[in-house]
PDB file of N, CA and C in Angstrom:
ATOM      1  N   MET A   1     -17.283  14.548 -33.013  1.00  0.00           N
ATOM      2  CA  MET A   1     -16.840  15.124 -31.595  1.00  0.00           C
ATOM      3  C   MET A   1     -15.936  16.225 -31.468  1.00  0.00           C
ATOM      4  N   ASN A   2     -16.289  17.139 -30.637  1.00  0.00           N
ATOM      5  CA  ASN A   2     -15.586  18.246 -30.595  1.00  0.00           C
ATOM      6  C   ASN A   2     -14.271  18.233 -29.872  1.00  0.00           C
ATOM      7  N   LYS A   3     -13.564  19.162 -30.265  1.00  0.00           N
ATOM      8  CA  LYS A   3     -11.985  19.077 -29.833  1.00  0.00           C
ATOM      9  C   LYS A   3     -12.021  19.481 -28.129  1.00  0.00           C
ATOM     10  N   ALA A   4     -12.759  20.240 -27.691  1.00  0.00           N
ATOM     11  CA  ALA A   4     -12.899  20.365 -26.289  1.00  0.00           C
ATOM     12  C   ALA A   4     -13.225  19.269 -25.444  1.00  0.00           C
ATOM     13  N   LEU A   5     -14.320  18.495 -26.205  1.00  0.00           N
ATOM     14  CA  LEU A   5     -14.718  17.102 -25.312  1.00  0.00           C
ATOM     15  C   LEU A   5     -13.721  16.249 -25.466  1.00  0.00           C
ATOM     16  N   ILE A   6     -12.664  16.242 -26.314  1.00  0.00           N
ATOM     17  CA  ILE A   6     -11.753  15.291 -26.714  1.00  0.00           C
ATOM     18  C   ILE A   6     -10.673  15.449 -25.505  1.00  0.00           C
ATOM     19  N   ILE A   7     -10.261  16.761 -25.682  1.00  0.00           N
ATOM     20  CA  ILE A   7      -9.277  17.214 -24.702  1.00  0.00           C
ATOM     21  C   ILE A   7      -9.644  16.839 -23.113  1.00  0.00           C
ATOM     22  N   ALA A   8     -10.812  17.308 -22.851  1.00  0.00           N
ATOM     23  CA  ALA A   8     -11.410  17.150 -21.495  1.00  0.00           C
ATOM     24  C   ALA A   8     -11.374  15.219 -21.123  1.00  0.00           C
ATOM     25  N   SER A   9     -11.695  14.901 -22.104  1.00  0.00           N
ATOM     26  CA  SER A   9     -11.973  13.265 -21.808  1.00  0.00           C
ATOM     27  C   SER A   9     -10.427  12.645 -21.513  1.00  0.00           C
ATOM     28  N   VAL A  10      -9.681  13.160 -22.479  1.00  0.00           N
ATOM     29  CA  VAL A  10      -8.293  12.719 -22.362  1.00  0.00           C
ATOM     30  C   VAL A  10      -7.301  12.941 -21.118  1.00  0.00           C
ATOM     31  N   GLY A  11      -7.838  14.315 -20.633  1.00  0.00           N
ATOM     32  CA  GLY A  11      -7.343  14.730 -19.274  1.00  0.00           C
ATOM     33  C   GLY A  11      -7.902  14.078 -18.332  1.00  0.00           C
ATOM     34  N   GLU A  12      -9.151  13.902 -18.216  1.00  0.00           N
ATOM     35  CA  GLU A  12      -9.930  13.026 -16.985  1.00  0.00           C
ATOM     36  C   GLU A  12      -9.294  11.478 -17.121  1.00  0.00           C
ATOM     37  N   ALA A  13      -9.255  11.064 -18.151  1.00  0.00           N
ATOM     38  CA  ALA A  13      -8.579   9.709 -18.253  1.00  0.00           C
ATOM     39  C   ALA A  13      -7.244   9.569 -17.705  1.00  0.00           C
ATOM     40  N   LEU A  14      -6.464  10.548 -18.037  1.00  0.00           N
ATOM     41  CA  LEU A  14      -5.033  10.442 -17.593  1.00  0.00           C
ATOM     42  C   LEU A  14      -4.966  10.817 -16.087  1.00  0.00           C
ATOM     43  N   THR A  15      -5.842  11.773 -15.433  1.00  0.00           N
ATOM     44  CA  THR A  15      -5.875  12.039 -14.013  1.00  0.00           C
ATOM     45  C   THR A  15      -6.294  10.742 -13.212  1.00  0.00           C
ATOM     46  N   GLY A  16      -7.471  10.151 -13.846  1.00  0.00           N
ATOM     47  CA  GLY A  16      -7.968   8.881 -13.345  1.00  0.00           C
ATOM     48  C   GLY A  16      -7.062   7.866 -13.133  1.00  0.00           C
ATOM     49  N   LEU A  17      -6.201   7.704 -14.275  1.00  0.00           N
ATOM     50  CA  LEU A  17      -5.151   6.718 -14.240  1.00  0.00           C
ATOM     51  C   LEU A  17      -3.917   6.839 -13.109  1.00  0.00           C
ATOM     52  N   ALA A  18      -3.897   8.104 -12.962  1.00  0.00           N
ATOM     53  CA  ALA A  18      -3.013   8.736 -12.161  1.00  0.00           C
ATOM     54  C   ALA A  18      -3.435   8.267 -10.735  1.00  0.00           C
ATOM     55  N   LEU A  19      -4.747   8.703 -10.448  1.00  0.00           N
ATOM     56  CA  LEU A  19      -5.177   8.430  -9.121  1.00  0.00           C
ATOM     57  C   LEU A  19      -5.296   7.132  -8.757  1.00  0.00           C
ATOM     58  N   LEU A  20      -5.705   6.237  -9.866  1.00  0.00           N
ATOM     59  CA  LEU A  20      -5.577   4.750  -9.789  1.00  0.00           C
ATOM     60  C   LEU A  20      -4.059   4.074  -9.319  1.00  0.00           C
ATOM     61  N   LEU A  21      -3.231   4.637  -9.938  1.00  0.00           N
ATOM     62  CA  LEU A  21      -1.927   4.033  -9.836  1.00  0.00           C
ATOM     63  C   LEU A  21      -1.201   4.726  -8.759  1.00  0.00           C
ATOM     64  N   VAL A  22      -1.128   5.822  -8.564  1.00  0.00           N
ATOM     65  CA  VAL A  22      -0.165   6.636  -7.766  1.00  0.00           C
ATOM     66  C   VAL A  22      -0.934   7.792  -6.969  1.00  0.00           C
ATOM     67  N   PRO A  23      -1.855   7.371  -6.194  1.00  0.00           N
ATOM     68  CA  PRO A  23      -2.935   8.437  -5.562  1.00  0.00           C
ATOM     69  C   PRO A  23      -2.128   9.287  -4.524  1.00  0.00           C
ATOM     70  N   SER A  24      -1.113   8.749  -3.833  1.00  0.00           N
ATOM     71  CA  SER A  24      -0.462   9.491  -2.969  1.00  0.00           C
ATOM     72  C   SER A  24       0.339  10.803  -3.668  1.00  0.00           C
ATOM     73  N   LEU A  25       0.743  10.332  -4.826  1.00  0.00           N
ATOM     74  CA  LEU A  25       1.563  11.381  -5.595  1.00  0.00           C
ATOM     75  C   LEU A  25       0.613  12.571  -6.274  1.00  0.00           C
ATOM     76  N   VAL A  26      -0.646  12.081  -6.436  1.00  0.00           N
ATOM     77  CA  VAL A  26      -1.495  12.990  -7.020  1.00  0.00           C
ATOM     78  C   VAL A  26      -2.055  13.962  -5.715  1.00  0.00           C
ATOM     79  N   GLY A  27      -2.192  13.481  -4.721  1.00  0.00           N
ATOM     80  CA  GLY A  27      -2.415  13.943  -3.552  1.00  0.00           C
ATOM     81  C   GLY A  27      -1.431  15.350  -3.337  1.00  0.00           C
ATOM     82  N   GLU A  28      -0.322  14.791  -3.333  1.00  0.00           N
ATOM     83  CA  GLU A  28       0.734  15.838  -3.153  1.00  0.00           C
ATOM     84  C   GLU A  28       0.849  16.879  -3.942  1.00  0.00           C
ATOM     85  N   LEU A  29       0.776  16.545  -5.381  1.00  0.00           N
ATOM     86  CA  LEU A  29       0.828  17.588  -6.400  1.00  0.00           C
ATOM     87  C   LEU A  29      -0.168  18.444  -6.481  1.00  0.00           C
ATOM     88  N   LEU A  30      -1.625  17.859  -6.131  1.00  0.00           N
ATOM     89  CA  LEU A  30      -2.741  18.870  -6.070  1.00  0.00           C
ATOM     90  C   LEU A  30      -2.922  19.464  -4.825  1.00  0.00           C
ATOM     91  N   LEU A  31      -2.854  18.945  -3.721  1.00  0.00           N
ATOM     92  CA  LEU A  31      -3.125  19.224  -2.374  1.00  0.00           C
ATOM     93  C   LEU A  31      -2.202  19.593  -1.443  1.00  0.00           C
ATOM     94  N   GLY A  32      -0.883  19.369  -1.945  1.00  0.00           N
ATOM     95  CA  GLY A  32       0.209  19.570  -1.045  1.00  0.00           C
ATOM     96  C   GLY A  32       0.557  18.578   0.115  1.00  0.00           C
ATOM     97  N   THR A  33      -0.187  17.449   0.180  1.00  0.00           N
ATOM     98  CA  THR A  33      -0.165  16.327   1.278  1.00  0.00           C
ATOM     99  C   THR A  33      -0.508  15.139   0.268  1.00  0.00           C
ATOM    100  N   SER A  34       0.498  14.108   1.225  1.00  0.00           N
ATOM    101  CA  SER A  34       0.197  12.666   0.488  1.00  0.00           C
ATOM    102  C   SER A  34      -0.839  12.121   0.963  1.00  0.00           C
ATOM    103  N   LEU A  35      -1.510  11.241   0.297  1.00  0.00           N
ATOM    104  CA  LEU A  35      -2.738  10.554   0.536  1.00  0.00           C
ATOM    105  C   LEU A  35      -2.244   9.095   1.111  1.00  0.00           C
ATOM    106  N   ALA A  36      -2.974   8.613   2.039  1.00  0.00           N
ATOM    107  CA  ALA A  36      -2.490   7.153   2.773  1.00  0.00           C
ATOM    108  C   ALA A  36      -3.777   6.618   3.164  1.00  0.00           C
ATOM    109  N   GLY A  37      -3.724   5.583   3.595  1.00  0.00           N
ATOM    110  CA  GLY A  37      -4.779   4.703   4.086  1.00  0.00           C
ATOM    111  C   GLY A  37      -6.018   5.005   3.423  1.00  0.00           C
ATOM    112  N   VAL A  38      -7.120   5.105   3.970  1.00  0.00           N
ATOM    113  CA  VAL A  38      -8.643   5.247   3.325  1.00  0.00           C
ATOM    114  C   VAL A  38      -8.523   6.113   2.151  1.00  0.00           C
ATOM    115  N   ALA A  39      -7.952   7.636   2.499  1.00  0.00           N
ATOM    116  CA  ALA A  39      -8.055   8.426   1.485  1.00  0.00           C
ATOM    117  C   ALA A  39      -7.374   7.953   0.233  1.00  0.00           C
ATOM    118  N   ALA A  40      -6.227   7.169   0.394  1.00  0.00           N
ATOM    119  CA  ALA A  40      -5.607   6.642  -1.131  1.00  0.00           C
ATOM    120  C   ALA A  40      -6.451   5.731  -1.600  1.00  0.00           C
ATOM    121  N   ALA A  41      -7.233   4.784  -0.842  1.00  0.00           N
ATOM    122  CA  ALA A  41      -8.401   3.715  -1.197  1.00  0.00           C
ATOM    123  C   ALA A  41      -9.430   4.746  -1.931  1.00  0.00           C
ATOM    124  N   MET A  42      -9.938   5.612  -1.475  1.00  0.00           N
ATOM    125  CA  MET A  42     -11.286   6.534  -1.845  1.00  0.00           C
ATOM    126  C   MET A  42     -10.421   7.435  -3.510  1.00  0.00           C
ATOM    127  N   ALA A  43      -9.382   7.677  -3.115  1.00  0.00           N
ATOM    128  CA  ALA A  43      -8.548   8.098  -4.485  1.00  0.00           C
ATOM    129  C   ALA A  43      -8.878   7.515  -5.686  1.00  0.00           C
ATOM    130  N   ARG A  44      -8.442   6.125  -5.281  1.00  0.00           N
ATOM    131  CA  ARG A  44      -8.366   5.114  -6.590  1.00  0.00           C
ATOM    132  C   ARG A  44      -9.898   5.104  -6.998  1.00  0.00           C
ATOM    133  N   VAL A  45     -10.952   4.813  -6.086  1.00  0.00           N
ATOM    134  CA  VAL A  45     -12.162   4.783  -6.623  1.00  0.00           C
ATOM    135  C   VAL A  45     -12.932   5.889  -7.465  1.00  0.00           C
ATOM    136  N   ALA A  46     -12.211   7.078  -7.028  1.00  0.00           N
ATOM    137  CA  ALA A  46     -12.520   8.670  -7.886  1.00  0.00           C
ATOM    138  C   ALA A  46     -11.612   8.362  -9.122  1.00  0.00           C
ATOM    139  N   GLY A  47     -10.435   7.826  -9.165  1.00  0.00           N
ATOM    140  CA  GLY A  47      -9.590   7.652 -10.238  1.00  0.00           C
ATOM    141  C   GLY A  47     -10.624   6.590 -11.526  1.00  0.00           C
ATOM    142  N   ILE A  48     -11.103   5.555 -10.827  1.00  0.00           N
ATOM    143  CA  ILE A  48     -11.986   4.813 -11.635  1.00  0.00           C
ATOM    144  C   ILE A  48     -13.248   5.591 -12.295  1.00  0.00           C
ATOM    145  N   ALA A  49     -13.705   6.239 -11.383  1.00  0.00           N
ATOM    146  CA  ALA A  49     -14.925   6.909 -11.796  1.00  0.00           C
ATOM    147  C   ALA A  49     -14.435   8.037 -12.945  1.00  0.00           C
ATOM    148  N   LEU A  50     -13.314   8.672 -12.664  1.00  0.00           N
ATOM    149  CA  LEU A  50     -13.002   9.650 -13.898  1.00  0.00           C
ATOM    150  C   LEU A  50     -12.661   8.932 -15.177  1.00  0.00           C
ATOM    151  N   ILE A  51     -12.157   7.784 -14.880  1.00  0.00           N
ATOM    152  CA  ILE A  51     -11.902   6.844 -16.135  1.00  0.00           C
ATOM    153  C   ILE A  51     -13.344   6.474 -17.016  1.00  0.00           C
ATOM    154  N   GLY A  52     -14.355   6.148 -16.253  1.00  0.00           N
ATOM    155  CA  GLY A  52     -15.402   5.999 -16.485  1.00  0.00           C
ATOM    156  C   GLY A  52     -16.332   7.034 -17.325  1.00  0.00           C
ATOM    157  N   LEU A  53     -16.157   8.367 -16.602  1.00  0.00           N
ATOM    158  CA  LEU A  53     -16.556   9.674 -17.199  1.00  0.00           C
ATOM    159  C   LEU A  53     -15.936   9.707 -18.490  1.00  0.00           C
ATOM    160  N   SER A  54     -14.793   9.406 -18.586  1.00  0.00           N
ATOM    161  CA  SER A  54     -14.047   9.847 -19.815  1.00  0.00           C
ATOM    162  C   SER A  54     -14.450   8.727 -20.924  1.00  0.00           C
ATOM    163  N   VAL A  55     -14.561   7.620 -20.430  1.00  0.00           N
ATOM    164  CA  VAL A  55     -15.077   6.584 -21.651  1.00  0.00           C
ATOM    165  C   VAL A  55     -16.618   7.189 -22.063  1.00  0.00           C
ATOM    166  N   ALA A  56     -17.285   7.508 -21.122  1.00  0.00           N
ATOM    167  CA  ALA A  56     -18.767   7.874 -21.426  1.00  0.00           C
ATOM    168  C   ALA A  56     -18.942   9.117 -22.320  1.00  0.00           C
ATOM    169  N   CYS A  57     -17.544   9.827 -22.202  1.00  0.00           N
ATOM    170  CA  CYS A  57     -17.701  11.051 -23.287  1.00  0.00           C
ATOM    171  C   CYS A  57     -17.343  10.914 -24.676  1.00  0.00           C
ATOM    172  N   TRP A  58     -16.928   9.524 -24.999  1.00  0.00           N
ATOM    173  CA  TRP A  58     -16.684   9.430 -26.298  1.00  0.00           C
ATOM    174  C   TRP A  58     -17.845   8.658 -27.176  1.00  0.00           C
ATOM    175  N   PRO A  59     -17.764   8.593 -28.332  1.00  0.00           N
ATOM    176  CA  PRO A  59     -19.101   8.320 -29.161  1.00  0.00           C
ATOM    177  C   PRO A  59     -19.881   7.131 -29.015  1.00  0.00           C
ATOM    178  N   ASP A  60     -19.032   6.190 -28.321  1.00  0.00           N
ATOM    179  CA  ASP A  60     -19.553   4.843 -27.817  1.00  0.00           C
ATOM    180  C   ASP A  60     -20.842   5.193 -26.927  1.00  0.00           C
ATOM    181  N   PRO A  61     -21.704   3.867 -27.116  1.00  0.00           N
ATOM    182  CA  PRO A  61     -22.983   4.405 -26.123  1.00  0.00           C
ATOM    183  C   PRO A  61     -22.437   4.656 -24.656  1.00  0.00           C
ATOM    184  N   PRO A  62     -23.216   5.629 -24.073  1.00  0.00           N
ATOM    185  CA  PRO A  62     -22.875   6.157 -22.541  1.00  0.00           C
ATOM    186  C   PRO A  62     -22.717   4.799 -21.580  1.00  0.00           C
ATOM    187  N   SER A  63     -23.316   3.873 -21.892  1.00  0.00           N
ATOM    188  CA  SER A  63     -23.444   2.721 -20.794  1.00  0.00           C
ATOM    189  C   SER A  63     -22.083   2.162 -20.782  1.00  0.00           C
ATOM    190  N   LEU A  64     -20.979   2.210 -21.833  1.00  0.00           N
ATOM    191  CA  LEU A  64     -19.925   1.717 -21.765  1.00  0.00           C
ATOM    192  C   LEU A  64     -19.313   2.103 -20.660  1.00  0.00           C
ATOM    193  N   GLY A  65     -19.179   3.409 -20.583  1.00  0.00           N
ATOM    194  CA  GLY A  65     -18.493   4.206 -19.506  1.00  0.00           C
ATOM    195  C   GLY A  65     -18.859   3.572 -18.149  1.00  0.00           C
ATOM    196  N   MET A  66     -20.383   3.462 -17.788  1.00  0.00           N
ATOM    197  CA  MET A  66     -20.697   3.023 -16.534  1.00  0.00           C
ATOM    198  C   MET A  66     -20.496   1.538 -16.379  1.00  0.00           C
ATOM    199  N   LEU A  67     -20.376   0.741 -17.523  1.00  0.00           N
ATOM    200  CA  LEU A  67     -19.854  -0.710 -17.296  1.00  0.00           C
ATOM    201  C   LEU A  67     -18.519  -0.729 -16.838  1.00  0.00           C
ATOM    202  N   ILE A  68     -17.493   0.000 -17.476  1.00  0.00           N
ATOM    203  CA  ILE A  68     -16.163   0.115 -17.039  1.00  0.00           C
ATOM    204  C   ILE A  68     -16.029   0.738 -15.636  1.00  0.00           C
ATOM    205  N   TYR A  69     -16.915   1.461 -15.401  1.00  0.00           N
ATOM    206  CA  TYR A  69     -16.424   2.142 -13.877  1.00  0.00           C
ATOM    207  C   TYR A  69     -17.183   1.157 -12.957  1.00  0.00           C
ATOM    208  N   SER A  70     -18.457   0.376 -13.240  1.00  0.00           N
ATOM    209  CA  SER A  70     -18.837  -0.548 -12.127  1.00  0.00           C
ATOM    210  C   SER A  70     -18.115  -1.858 -12.066  1.00  0.00           C
ATOM    211  N   GLY A  71     -17.597  -2.272 -13.126  1.00  0.00           N
ATOM    212  CA  GLY A  71     -16.694  -3.386 -13.090  1.00  0.00           C
ATOM    213  C   GLY A  71     -15.433  -3.089 -12.314  1.00  0.00           C
ATOM    214  N   ALA A  72     -14.768  -2.077 -12.598  1.00  0.00           N
ATOM    215  CA  ALA A  72     -13.559  -1.658 -11.987  1.00  0.00           C
ATOM    216  C   ALA A  72     -13.717  -1.425 -10.582  1.00  0.00           C
ATOM    217  N   VAL A  73     -14.802  -0.831 -10.507  1.00  0.00           N
ATOM    218  CA  VAL A  73     -15.072  -0.500  -8.837  1.00  0.00           C
ATOM    219  C   VAL A  73     -15.454  -1.720  -8.141  1.00  0.00           C
ATOM    220  N   ALA A  74     -16.014  -2.972  -8.611  1.00  0.00           N
ATOM    221  CA  ALA A  74     -16.196  -4.127  -8.199  1.00  0.00           C
ATOM    222  C   ALA A  74     -14.936  -4.837  -7.881  1.00  0.00           C
ATOM    223  N   LEU A  75     -14.053  -4.747  -8.684  1.00  0.00           N
ATOM    224  CA  LEU A  75     -12.609  -5.346  -8.558  1.00  0.00           C
ATOM    225  C   LEU A  75     -11.845  -4.544  -7.442  1.00  0.00           C
ATOM    226  N   GLY A  76     -11.925  -3.276  -7.597  1.00  0.00           N
ATOM    227  CA  GLY A  76     -11.229  -2.455  -6.585  1.00  0.00           C
ATOM    228  C   GLY A  76     -11.729  -2.787  -5.202  1.00  0.00           C
ATOM    229  N   LEU A  77     -13.041  -2.757  -4.922  1.00  0.00           N
ATOM    230  CA  LEU A  77     -13.559  -2.688  -3.666  1.00  0.00           C
ATOM    231  C   LEU A  77     -13.408  -4.144  -3.118  1.00  0.00           C
ATOM    232  N   ALA A  78     -13.349  -5.239  -3.939  1.00  0.00           N
ATOM    233  CA  ALA A  78     -12.972  -6.742  -3.439  1.00  0.00           C
ATOM    234  C   ALA A  78     -11.570  -6.728  -3.194  1.00  0.00           C
ATOM    235  N   TYR A  79     -10.675  -6.082  -4.116  1.00  0.00           N
ATOM    236  CA  TYR A  79      -9.311  -6.094  -3.612  1.00  0.00           C
ATOM    237  C   TYR A  79      -9.067  -5.452  -2.264  1.00  0.00           C
ATOM    238  N   LEU A  80      -9.658  -4.434  -2.147  1.00  0.00           N
ATOM    239  CA  LEU A  80      -9.404  -3.436  -0.530  1.00  0.00           C
ATOM    240  C   LEU A  80      -9.789  -4.490   0.514  1.00  0.00           C
ATOM    241  N   GLY A  81     -10.798  -5.431   0.222  1.00  0.00           N
ATOM    242  CA  GLY A  81     -11.520  -6.192   1.314  1.00  0.00           C
ATOM    243  C   GLY A  81     -10.634  -7.349   1.513  1.00  0.00           C
ATOM    244  N   LEU A  82     -10.130  -7.743   0.283  1.00  0.00           N
ATOM    245  CA  LEU A  82      -9.554  -9.222   0.434  1.00  0.00           C
ATOM    246  C   LEU A  82      -7.943  -9.294   0.752  1.00  0.00           C
ATOM    247  N   PHE A  83      -7.410  -7.846   0.331  1.00  0.00           N
ATOM    248  CA  PHE A  83      -5.934  -7.785   0.620  1.00  0.00           C
ATOM    249  C   PHE A  83      -5.520  -6.668   1.105  1.00  0.00           C
ATOM    250  N   ALA A  84      -6.102  -5.512   1.453  1.00  0.00           N
ATOM    251  CA  ALA A  84      -5.697  -4.460   1.994  1.00  0.00           C
ATOM    252  C   ALA A  84      -6.262  -4.294   3.463  1.00  0.00           C
ATOM    253  N   GLY A  85      -7.029  -5.161   3.773  1.00  0.00           N
ATOM    254  CA  GLY A  85      -7.648  -5.330   4.989  1.00  0.00           C
ATOM    255  C   GLY A  85      -8.768  -4.104   5.564  1.00  0.00           C
ATOM    256  N   LEU A  86      -9.369  -3.576   4.400  1.00  0.00           N
ATOM    257  CA  LEU A  86     -10.134  -2.522   4.538  1.00  0.00           C
ATOM    258  C   LEU A  86     -11.564  -3.181   4.625  1.00  0.00           C
ATOM    259  N   HIS A  87     -12.499  -2.890   5.452  1.00  0.00           N
ATOM    260  CA  HIS A  87     -13.837  -3.678   5.243  1.00  0.00           C
ATOM    261  C   HIS A  87     -14.612  -2.963   6.219  1.00  0.00           C
ATOM    262  N   GLY A  88     -15.737  -2.523   5.994  1.00  0.00           N
ATOM    263  CA  GLY A  88     -16.789  -1.617   6.607  1.00  0.00           C
ATOM    264  C   GLY A  88     -18.111  -2.640   6.402  1.00  0.00           C
ATOM    265  N   VAL A  89     -19.161  -2.290   7.093  1.00  0.00           N
ATOM    266  CA  VAL A  89     -20.400  -3.233   6.909  1.00  0.00           C
ATOM    267  C   VAL A  89     -21.098  -3.315   5.498  1.00  0.00           C
ATOM    268  N   LEU A  90     -20.618  -2.061   4.810  1.00  0.00           N
ATOM    269  CA  LEU A  90     -21.505  -2.133   3.524  1.00  0.00           C
ATOM    270  C   LEU A  90     -20.292  -2.607   2.210  1.00  0.00           C
ATOM    271  N   LEU A  91     -19.056  -2.863   2.609  1.00  0.00           N
ATOM    272  CA  LEU A  91     -18.131  -3.183   1.468  1.00  0.00           C
ATOM    273  C   LEU A  91     -18.662  -4.449   0.556  1.00  0.00           C
ATOM    274  N   TRP A  92     -18.887  -5.341   1.301  1.00  0.00           N
ATOM    275  CA  TRP A  92     -19.461  -6.580   0.449  1.00  0.00           C
ATOM    276  C   TRP A  92     -20.749  -6.473  -0.027  1.00  0.00           C
ATOM    277  N   PRO A  93     -21.636  -5.860   0.523  1.00  0.00           N
ATOM    278  CA  PRO A  93     -22.849  -5.685  -0.346  1.00  0.00           C
ATOM    279  C   PRO A  93     -22.754  -4.479  -1.579  1.00  0.00           C
ATOM    280  N   ALA A  94     -21.930  -3.608  -1.240  1.00  0.00           N
ATOM    281  CA  ALA A  94     -21.425  -2.829  -2.401  1.00  0.00           C
ATOM    282  C   ALA A  94     -20.664  -3.412  -3.662  1.00  0.00           C
ATOM    283  N   VAL A  95     -19.650  -4.381  -3.229  1.00  0.00           N
ATOM    284  CA  VAL A  95     -19.149  -5.423  -4.222  1.00  0.00           C
ATOM    285  C   VAL A  95     -20.144  -6.111  -5.060  1.00  0.00           C
ATOM    286  N   ALA A  96     -21.163  -6.905  -4.116  1.00  0.00           N
ATOM    287  CA  ALA A  96     -22.124  -7.542  -4.949  1.00  0.00           C
ATOM    288  C   ALA A  96     -23.016  -6.695  -5.667  1.00  0.00           C
ATOM    289  N   ALA A  97     -23.587  -5.461  -5.556  1.00  0.00           N
ATOM    290  CA  ALA A  97     -24.374  -4.566  -5.881  1.00  0.00           C
ATOM    291  C   ALA A  97     -23.341  -4.106  -7.430  1.00  0.00           C
ATOM    292  N   HIS A  98     -22.153  -3.798  -7.371  1.00  0.00           N
ATOM    293  CA  HIS A  98     -21.655  -3.682  -8.477  1.00  0.00           C
ATOM    294  C   HIS A  98     -21.491  -4.959  -9.558  1.00  0.00           C
ATOM    295  N   VAL A  99     -21.113  -5.995  -8.906  1.00  0.00           N
ATOM    296  CA  VAL A  99     -21.058  -7.171  -9.870  1.00  0.00           C
ATOM    297  C   VAL A  99     -22.460  -7.496 -10.362  1.00  0.00           C
ATOM    298  N   VAL A 100     -23.739  -7.185  -9.737  1.00  0.00           N
ATOM    299  CA  VAL A 100     -24.766  -7.441 -10.551  1.00  0.00           C
ATOM    300  C   VAL A 100     -25.140  -6.016 -11.601  1.00  0.00           C
ATOM    301  N   LEU A 101     -24.793  -4.958 -11.266  1.00  0.00           N
ATOM    302  CA  LEU A 101     -24.861  -3.959 -12.123  1.00  0.00           C
ATOM    303  C   LEU A 101     -24.022  -4.214 -13.427  1.00  0.00           C
ATOM    304  N   THR A 102     -22.674  -4.634 -13.120  1.00  0.00           N
ATOM    305  CA  THR A 102     -21.948  -4.970 -14.120  1.00  0.00           C
ATOM    306  C   THR A 102     -22.582  -6.098 -15.257  1.00  0.00           C
ATOM    307  N   ALA A 103     -23.001  -7.004 -14.363  1.00  0.00           N
ATOM    308  CA  ALA A 103     -23.725  -8.093 -15.375  1.00  0.00           C
ATOM    309  C   ALA A 103     -24.672  -7.678 -16.089  1.00  0.00           C
ATOM    310  N   LEU A 104     -25.809  -6.945 -15.521  1.00  0.00           N
ATOM    311  CA  LEU A 104     -26.797  -6.263 -16.211  1.00  0.00           C
ATOM    312  C   LEU A 104     -26.380  -5.343 -17.193  1.00  0.00           C
ATOM    313  N   LEU A 105     -25.447  -4.554 -17.219  1.00  0.00           N
ATOM    314  CA  LEU A 105     -25.004  -3.734 -18.276  1.00  0.00           C
ATOM    315  C   LEU A 105     -24.390  -4.511 -19.420  1.00  0.00           C
ATOM    316  N   ILE A 106     -23.712  -5.578 -19.144  1.00  0.00           N
ATOM    317  CA  ILE A 106     -22.955  -6.570 -20.136  1.00  0.00           C
ATOM    318  C   ILE A 106     -24.259  -7.110 -20.810  1.00  0.00           C
ATOM    319  N   ARG A 107     -25.188  -7.602 -20.114  1.00  0.00           N
ATOM    320  CA  ARG A 107     -26.505  -8.261 -20.842  1.00  0.00           C
ATOM    321  C   ARG A 107     -27.044  -7.096 -21.840  1.00  0.00           C
ATOM    322  N   ASP A 108     -27.129  -5.929 -21.168  1.00  0.00           N
ATOM    323  CA  ASP A 108     -28.003  -4.796 -22.165  1.00  0.00           C
ATOM    324  C   ASP A 108     -26.927  -4.338 -23.249  1.00  0.00           C
ATOM    325  N   SER A 109     -25.801  -4.401 -23.151  1.00  0.00           N
ATOM    326  CA  SER A 109     -24.953  -4.062 -24.199  1.00  0.00           C
ATOM    327  C   SER A 109     -24.984  -5.147 -25.216  1.00  0.00           C
ATOM    328  N   MET A 110     -25.120  -6.361 -24.946  1.00  0.00           N
ATOM    329  CA  MET A 110     -25.073  -7.647 -25.638  1.00  0.00           C
ATOM    330  C   MET A 110     -26.511  -7.408 -26.447  1.00  0.00           C
ATOM    331  N   THR A 111     -27.465  -7.221 -25.771  1.00  0.00           N
ATOM    332  CA  THR A 111     -28.883  -7.290 -26.456  1.00  0.00           C
ATOM    333  C   THR A 111     -29.060  -6.141 -27.516  1.00  0.00           C
ATOM    334  N   VAL A 112     -28.428  -4.976 -27.316  1.00  0.00           N
ATOM    335  CA  VAL A 112     -28.426  -3.813 -28.187  1.00  0.00           C
ATOM    336  C   VAL A 112     -27.610  -4.065 -29.543  1.00  0.00           C
ATOM    337  N   ARG A 113     -26.489  -4.955 -29.364  1.00  0.00           N
ATOM    338  CA  ARG A 113     -25.838  -5.176 -30.503  1.00  0.00           C
ATOM    339  C   ARG A 113     -26.400  -6.383 -31.424  1.00  0.00           C
ATOM    340  N   GLN A 114     -27.151  -6.905 -30.997  1.00  0.00           N
ATOM    341  CA  GLN A 114     -27.606  -8.140 -31.610  1.00  0.00           C
ATOM    342  C   GLN A 114     -28.710  -7.637 -32.651  1.00  0.00           C
TER     343      GLN A 114
END
């Protein structure tokens, strides 16, 4: 694996983790304004995506990155719907779609390893 890809992958993982844990601080540092409400929720989803991208850049099968992304987004969106009071017409269908996709990716990864 080349060094540039490792550096990029680690950088994206750290940025994703920061967006997931402290989206307002990241918004302040990058954009000069803190993120709140829906912007913070979407920043967390973007953080999950960056972590998935980072994992996909490692030598493991690329589907691992999508598996991590899909599972984490299902959990994150469900959390927003259940505990943060955020809900649109597509929230629960999106959660269901990511749960199904996660299950399919798990099944496929188990099939490949056998």
